[in-house]
């Protein structure tokens, strides 16, 4: 995986905090803060993973 420049975590009223980042090639990434090694990128698989996480209640504050 390329080096990713992570932004400051975004935390809403829930306990989950997310970070957005980009790599040198301009690809976008999102991860739970503290678990950046499990990040997802801007692919079809990433979108499906994010939808599953939202349905599981882990990212509902981003909606």
Protein backbone atom coordinates (compact mmCIF):
# COMPACT_ATOMS: atom_id res chain seq x y z
CA UNK A 1 0.00 0.00 0.00
CA UNK A 2 1.23 3.49 -0.79
CA UNK A 3 1.92 6.05 1.91
CA UNK A 4 -1.34 7.74 2.78
CA UNK A 5 -1.63 11.31 4.05
CA UNK A 6 -4.43 11.14 6.64
CA UNK A 7 -6.56 14.14 7.66
CA UNK A 8 -7.54 14.80 11.25
CA UNK A 9 -10.21 12.36 12.53
CA UNK A 10 -13.87 13.30 12.08
CA UNK A 11 -15.84 12.43 15.20
CA UNK A 12 -19.56 12.98 15.60
CA UNK A 13 -21.68 12.39 18.68
CA UNK A 14 -21.16 8.63 18.50
CA UNK A 15 -18.03 6.82 19.56
CA UNK A 16 -16.77 6.14 16.02
CA UNK A 17 -14.23 8.47 14.47
CA UNK A 18 -13.26 8.32 10.81
CA UNK A 19 -10.27 9.58 8.87
CA UNK A 20 -10.02 10.47 5.19
CA UNK A 21 -6.75 10.31 3.32
CA UNK A 22 -5.11 10.41 -0.08
CA UNK A 23 -2.04 8.77 -1.53
CA UNK A 24 0.50 10.14 -3.98
CA UNK A 25 -1.56 8.91 -6.95
CA UNK A 26 -4.65 10.82 -5.78
CA UNK A 27 -6.61 7.76 -4.60
CA UNK A 28 -8.98 8.40 -1.70
CA UNK A 29 -9.17 6.31 1.48
CA UNK A 30 -11.42 6.15 4.53
CA UNK A 31 -10.76 4.32 7.79
CA UNK A 32 -11.88 4.14 11.38
CA UNK A 33 -9.45 6.28 13.38
CA UNK A 34 -6.82 4.06 14.95
CA UNK A 35 -7.38 1.32 12.36
CA UNK A 36 -5.90 3.02 9.31
CA UNK A 37 -4.25 -0.27 8.29
CA UNK A 38 -7.79 -1.53 7.50
CA UNK A 39 -8.63 1.41 5.24
CA UNK A 40 -10.76 1.13 2.13
CA UNK A 41 -10.14 2.95 -1.11
CA UNK A 42 -12.37 4.40 -3.80
CA UNK A 43 -13.19 1.15 -5.61
CA UNK A 44 -16.44 -0.76 -6.12
CA UNK A 45 -15.35 -3.11 -3.34
CA UNK A 46 -14.74 -0.10 -1.09
CA UNK A 47 -18.23 1.22 -1.71
CA UNK A 48 -19.74 -2.17 -0.92
CA UNK A 49 -17.68 -2.39 2.28
CA UNK A 50 -18.77 1.07 3.35
CA UNK A 51 -22.43 0.23 2.72
CA UNK A 52 -22.08 -2.91 4.87
CA UNK A 53 -20.48 -0.87 7.66
CA UNK A 54 -23.25 1.73 7.50
CA UNK A 55 -25.91 -0.99 7.63
CA UNK A 56 -24.12 -2.45 10.66
CA UNK A 57 -24.48 0.94 12.39
CA UNK A 58 -20.78 1.75 12.39
CA UNK A 59 -20.92 4.85 10.18
CA UNK A 60 -24.45 6.16 10.51
CA UNK A 61 -23.27 9.60 11.67
CA UNK A 62 -21.67 10.13 8.25
CA UNK A 63 -25.08 9.99 6.58
